[in-house]
Amino acid sequence: MLQSELAGTVALVTGAARGIGAAVVRALVAEGAVVAAADRDAGALAVLAEESPAIRPYVLDVTDAAAVEAFVASAEARLGPLGALVNVAGILRVGPAVELSDREWADTFAVNSAGVFHTCRAVGRRMAGRGAGAIVTVGSNAAGVPRAGMAAYAASKAAATMFTRCLGLELGRSGVRCNIVSPGSTDTAMQRALWGDDAESAEAARQRVIDGDPAAWRVGIPLGRIAAPADVAEAVLFLVSDRARHVTMHDLYVDGGATLRA
């Protein structure tokens, strides 16, 4: 991609402080964008912002609708009209579906689904009025294939995915494109938390993910590797760029073939 393509674009990335969110921020900045990096973790945001003056850190809780609306208005007043929104903020609560607590279910949907709604509503309305913009929601391949122990996460990501597609349908005539990137297992803090603290057991867990687990009805990863956050960021970068100008309502799986695209 030519750097000039996204030069001067103002982008908002939620869940920006680490993992996939931080990788997306870095990828956008490398292409010349100015990024409003939003996250609940002020400390991690401050560290990220040290990497470039084009990274503008903002502490934001996407579950707070009023705060999101005020933040978007403030960010546009300070930085200029948002040309891209990337929804990355997410949480994972694992456990058998019948043992999930009300709080675990509600918290998961508050971030993974309602958070996407809040940001898309605030940003999408403004983009539609200007007749241009690109929105990408980072979903999950778990939204399309059942995962044992991940009912709340999978359901919340499925809700965010369908919401984003419906939004794309509604905003298409306004020139706003809305797409989804659905990663599989990616080497992030969230993924590593599932592996445990012991280095040897973590490596064994990594290999089990790659190999698959018949007992959990989970196939392996045909490409034989777990994704790096940058792999997901590259897919996001494509979808917010003009190279994807005729792509909307698409769900791009970035999972090394793990779901067999079921």
Protein backbone atom coordinates (compact mmCIF):
# COMPACT_ATOMS: atom_id res chain seq x y z
CA MET A 1 0.00 0.00 0.00
CA LEU A 2 1.25 3.48 -0.80
CA GLN A 3 1.68 5.45 2.38
CA SER A 4 -0.23 8.38 0.88
CA GLU A 5 -3.43 6.33 0.70
CA LEU A 6 -4.16 6.63 4.41
CA ALA A 7 -2.02 9.69 5.08
CA GLY A 8 -4.04 12.19 7.10
CA THR A 9 -6.86 9.75 7.79
CA VAL A 10 -8.15 9.99 11.34
CA ALA A 11 -8.96 6.56 12.77
CA LEU A 12 -10.48 5.40 16.03
CA VAL A 13 -9.36 2.05 17.44
CA THR A 14 -10.96 0.63 20.58
CA GLY A 15 -9.21 -1.95 22.73
CA ALA A 16 -6.05 -0.29 21.49
CA ALA A 17 -3.69 -0.78 24.40
CA ARG A 18 -2.45 -4.28 23.65
CA GLY A 19 -2.70 -7.35 21.45
CA ILE A 20 -4.63 -7.03 18.21
CA GLY A 21 -5.71 -3.47 19.03
CA ALA A 22 -2.13 -2.27 19.45
CA ALA A 23 -1.11 -4.05 16.24
CA VAL A 24 -3.91 -2.31 14.36
CA VAL A 25 -2.84 1.06 15.75
CA ARG A 26 0.75 0.48 14.65
CA ALA A 27 -0.32 -0.66 11.18
CA LEU A 28 -2.51 2.41 10.65
CA VAL A 29 0.19 4.79 11.87
CA ALA A 30 2.73 3.14 9.58
CA GLU A 31 0.45 4.01 6.66
CA GLY A 32 0.19 7.66 7.66
CA ALA A 33 -2.99 7.74 9.73
CA VAL A 34 -3.54 9.64 12.96
CA VAL A 35 -5.08 7.26 15.48
CA ALA A 36 -7.30 7.96 18.45
CA ALA A 37 -6.31 4.96 20.54
CA ALA A 38 -9.02 4.18 23.09
CA ASP A 39 -8.88 1.71 25.95
CA ARG A 40 -9.75 1.40 29.64
CA ASP A 41 -6.09 0.84 30.57
CA ALA A 42 -4.52 4.29 30.89
CA GLY A 43 -1.07 2.97 31.74
CA ALA A 44 -0.81 0.66 28.73
CA LEU A 45 -2.16 3.42 26.49
CA ALA A 46 0.53 5.80 27.70
CA VAL A 47 3.23 3.27 26.84
CA LEU A 48 1.76 2.73 23.37
CA ALA A 49 1.52 6.48 22.72
CA GLU A 50 5.26 6.83 23.30
CA GLU A 51 5.83 5.02 20.00
CA SER A 52 4.55 7.85 17.79
CA PRO A 53 3.09 11.37 18.00
CA ALA A 54 0.39 10.10 15.62
CA ILE A 55 -1.01 7.92 18.43
CA ARG A 56 -3.40 9.93 20.59
CA PRO A 57 -4.37 8.01 23.75
CA TYR A 58 -7.84 8.26 25.24
CA VAL A 59 -9.22 6.40 28.24
CA LEU A 60 -12.65 5.09 27.28
CA ASP A 61 -15.12 2.48 28.50
CA VAL A 62 -17.10 1.37 25.44
CA THR A 63 -19.89 0.02 27.64
CA ASP A 64 -20.80 3.60 28.62
CA ALA A 65 -22.97 4.91 25.79
CA ALA A 66 -22.91 8.54 26.95
CA ALA A 67 -19.15 8.47 27.37
CA VAL A 68 -18.69 7.05 23.87
CA GLU A 69 -20.89 9.75 22.32
CA ALA A 70 -19.04 12.51 24.16
CA PHE A 71 -15.68 11.00 23.28
CA VAL A 72 -16.43 10.76 19.55
CA ALA A 73 -17.60 14.37 19.45
CA SER A 74 -14.48 15.48 21.30
CA ALA A 75 -12.11 13.39 19.17
CA GLU A 76 -13.54 14.81 15.94
CA ALA A 77 -13.29 18.34 17.31
CA ARG A 78 -9.62 17.80 18.20
CA LEU A 79 -8.39 15.57 15.40
CA GLY A 80 -10.85 16.03 12.54
CA PRO A 81 -13.54 13.81 10.98
CA LEU A 82 -13.09 10.10 11.60
CA GLY A 83 -12.46 8.21 8.40
CA ALA A 84 -12.09 4.79 9.98
CA LEU A 85 -13.38 2.98 13.04
CA VAL A 86 -11.92 -0.34 14.19
CA ASN A 87 -13.75 -2.12 17.01
CA VAL A 88 -11.27 -4.34 18.84
CA ALA A 89 -12.29 -4.00 22.50
CA GLY A 90 -13.35 -7.36 23.86
CA ILE A 91 -13.31 -9.64 26.87
CA LEU A 92 -13.40 -13.41 27.30
CA ARG A 93 -15.22 -15.30 30.02
CA VAL A 94 -14.90 -19.07 29.71
CA GLY A 95 -16.81 -21.94 31.28
CA PRO A 96 -19.64 -24.38 30.58
CA ALA A 97 -22.75 -22.58 29.36
CA VAL A 98 -24.90 -23.87 32.20
CA GLU A 99 -22.41 -22.64 34.78
CA LEU A 100 -21.93 -19.08 33.51
CA SER A 101 -23.06 -16.44 35.97
CA ASP A 102 -25.43 -13.64 35.05
CA ARG A 103 -22.57 -11.18 35.55
CA GLU A 104 -20.20 -13.09 33.24
CA TRP A 105 -22.84 -13.17 30.52
CA ALA A 106 -23.82 -9.52 30.93
CA ASP A 107 -20.23 -8.27 31.10
CA THR A 108 -19.29 -10.16 27.95
CA PHE A 109 -22.18 -8.71 25.96
CA ALA A 110 -21.66 -5.24 27.42
CA VAL A 111 -18.17 -5.03 25.92
CA ASN A 112 -18.24 -7.33 22.90
CA SER A 113 -21.70 -6.44 21.57
CA ALA A 114 -23.05 -3.26 23.18
CA GLY A 115 -19.62 -1.65 22.95
CA VAL A 116 -19.61 -2.19 19.20
CA PHE A 117 -23.13 -0.77 18.97
CA HIS A 118 -22.18 2.35 20.95
CA THR A 119 -19.14 3.21 18.85
CA CYS A 120 -20.76 2.32 15.52
CA ARG A 121 -23.82 4.42 16.31
CA ALA A 122 -21.78 7.48 17.25
CA VAL A 123 -19.27 7.19 14.43
CA GLY A 124 -21.54 5.71 11.75
CA ARG A 125 -24.02 8.57 12.02
CA ARG A 126 -21.27 11.09 11.41
CA MET A 127 -19.71 9.11 8.57
CA ALA A 128 -23.06 8.75 6.83
CA GLY A 129 -23.58 12.50 7.00
CA ARG A 130 -20.24 13.02 5.26
CA GLY A 131 -20.85 10.26 2.71
CA ALA A 132 -17.66 8.29 3.42
CA GLY A 133 -15.97 6.07 5.96
CA ALA A 134 -14.94 2.52 6.80
CA ILE A 135 -15.87 0.50 9.87
CA VAL A 136 -14.25 -2.80 10.78
CA THR A 137 -15.32 -4.94 13.72
CA VAL A 138 -12.87 -7.53 14.97
CA GLY A 139 -15.07 -10.53 15.65
CA SER A 140 -14.03 -14.15 16.06
CA ASN A 141 -14.22 -17.40 14.17
CA ALA A 142 -16.08 -18.62 17.28
CA ALA A 143 -19.03 -16.56 16.01
CA GLY A 144 -19.47 -19.04 13.18
CA VAL A 145 -18.44 -22.35 14.76
CA PRO A 146 -19.52 -23.55 18.24
CA ARG A 147 -16.76 -23.64 20.84
CA ALA A 148 -17.03 -25.64 24.06
CA GLY A 149 -16.63 -23.42 27.10
CA MET A 150 -16.98 -20.22 25.09
CA ALA A 151 -20.74 -19.77 24.81
CA ALA A 152 -20.88 -16.18 26.04
CA TYR A 153 -17.92 -15.07 23.96
CA ALA A 154 -19.11 -16.81 20.80
CA ALA A 155 -22.66 -15.50 21.13
CA SER A 156 -21.50 -11.94 21.79
CA LYS A 157 -19.17 -12.01 18.79
CA ALA A 158 -21.96 -13.42 16.62
CA ALA A 159 -24.17 -10.53 17.71
CA ALA A 160 -21.46 -7.99 16.90
CA THR A 161 -20.86 -9.62 13.53
CA MET A 162 -24.49 -9.52 12.44
CA PHE A 163 -24.93 -6.00 13.77
CA THR A 164 -21.99 -4.82 11.69
CA ARG A 165 -23.37 -6.50 8.58
CA CYS A 166 -26.80 -4.92 9.11
CA LEU A 167 -25.12 -1.56 9.61
CA GLY A 168 -23.27 -2.04 6.35
CA LEU A 169 -26.55 -2.70 4.58
CA GLU A 170 -28.13 0.43 6.02
CA LEU A 171 -25.16 2.73 5.42
CA GLY A 172 -24.12 1.39 2.02
CA ARG A 173 -25.92 4.09 0.04
CA SER A 174 -24.20 6.69 2.19
CA GLY A 175 -20.80 5.46 1.03
CA VAL A 176 -19.86 3.90 4.37
CA ARG A 177 -18.44 0.37 4.28
CA CYS A 178 -18.79 -1.99 7.25
CA ASN A 179 -16.86 -5.26 7.47
CA ILE A 180 -15.74 -7.87 9.98
CA VAL A 181 -12.37 -9.53 10.53
CA SER A 182 -12.75 -12.82 12.41
CA PRO A 183 -9.51 -14.12 13.88
CA GLY A 184 -8.94 -17.58 15.21
CA SER A 185 -6.36 -18.34 17.90
CA THR A 186 -3.99 -15.37 18.04
CA ASP A 187 -0.93 -14.90 20.22
CA THR A 188 -2.29 -12.31 22.63
CA ALA A 189 -2.57 -11.97 26.40
CA MET A 190 -6.17 -13.21 26.15
CA GLN A 191 -5.04 -16.37 24.37
CA ARG A 192 -2.10 -16.96 26.71
CA ALA A 193 -4.38 -16.68 29.73
CA LEU A 194 -6.02 -19.90 28.52
CA TRP A 195 -2.65 -21.69 28.50
CA GLY A 196 -1.61 -21.17 32.13
CA ASP A 197 1.48 -19.62 33.66
CA ASP A 198 3.92 -22.49 33.34
CA ALA A 199 6.11 -22.09 30.25
CA GLU A 200 6.19 -25.81 29.45
CA SER A 201 2.42 -26.22 29.80
CA ALA A 202 1.88 -23.06 27.74
CA GLU A 203 3.94 -24.48 24.89
CA ALA A 204 2.04 -27.75 25.11
CA ALA A 205 -1.24 -25.80 25.06
CA ARG A 206 -0.08 -23.91 21.97
CA GLN A 207 0.62 -27.18 20.21
CA ARG A 208 -2.77 -28.59 21.21
CA VAL A 209 -4.43 -25.58 19.61
CA ILE A 210 -2.47 -26.16 16.42
CA ASP A 211 -3.12 -29.91 16.44
CA GLY A 212 -6.78 -29.70 17.41
CA ASP A 213 -8.67 -31.41 20.21
CA PRO A 214 -11.21 -34.08 19.20
CA ALA A 215 -12.48 -34.29 22.78
CA ALA A 216 -13.54 -30.64 22.53
CA TRP A 217 -14.86 -31.05 18.93
CA ARG A 218 -12.20 -28.66 17.76
CA VAL A 219 -10.21 -29.09 14.55
CA GLY A 220 -6.61 -27.93 14.36
CA ILE A 221 -5.06 -25.15 12.31
CA PRO A 222 -4.22 -26.35 8.79
CA LEU A 223 -1.51 -23.72 8.31
CA GLY A 224 0.26 -25.10 11.37
CA ARG A 225 0.73 -21.87 13.29
CA ILE A 226 -1.06 -19.52 15.64
CA ALA A 227 -1.64 -16.04 14.25
CA ALA A 228 0.38 -13.04 15.32
CA PRO A 229 -1.60 -9.86 16.07
CA ALA A 230 0.00 -8.30 12.99
CA ASP A 231 -1.67 -10.95 10.79
CA VAL A 232 -5.06 -9.68 11.91
CA ALA A 233 -3.98 -6.04 11.62
CA GLU A 234 -3.03 -6.53 7.97
CA ALA A 235 -6.54 -7.76 7.19
CA VAL A 236 -8.01 -4.74 8.98
CA LEU A 237 -5.69 -2.43 7.06
CA PHE A 238 -6.93 -3.83 3.75
CA LEU A 239 -10.58 -3.40 4.66
CA VAL A 240 -10.23 0.24 5.75
CA SER A 241 -8.23 1.09 2.62
CA ASP A 242 -9.50 2.07 -0.80
CA ARG A 243 -8.27 -1.27 -2.11
CA ALA A 244 -11.43 -2.66 -0.49
CA ARG A 245 -13.66 0.11 -1.84
CA HIS A 246 -16.15 -2.42 -3.24
CA VAL A 247 -16.18 -4.68 -0.17
CA THR A 248 -18.84 -4.30 2.49
CA MET A 249 -20.78 -6.59 4.85
CA HIS A 250 -17.97 -9.13 4.46
CA ASP A 251 -16.72 -11.42 7.23
CA LEU A 252 -13.05 -12.18 6.61
CA TYR A 253 -11.77 -15.18 8.58
CA VAL A 254 -8.11 -14.93 9.58
CA ASP A 255 -7.69 -18.26 11.33
CA GLY A 256 -5.27 -20.35 9.29
CA GLY A 257 -8.18 -22.47 8.09
CA ALA A 258 -9.13 -23.59 11.62
CA THR A 259 -12.88 -23.49 11.03
CA LEU A 260 -12.65 -25.00 7.57
CA ARG A 261 -14.78 -21.90 6.84
CA ALA A 262 -17.86 -23.74 8.05
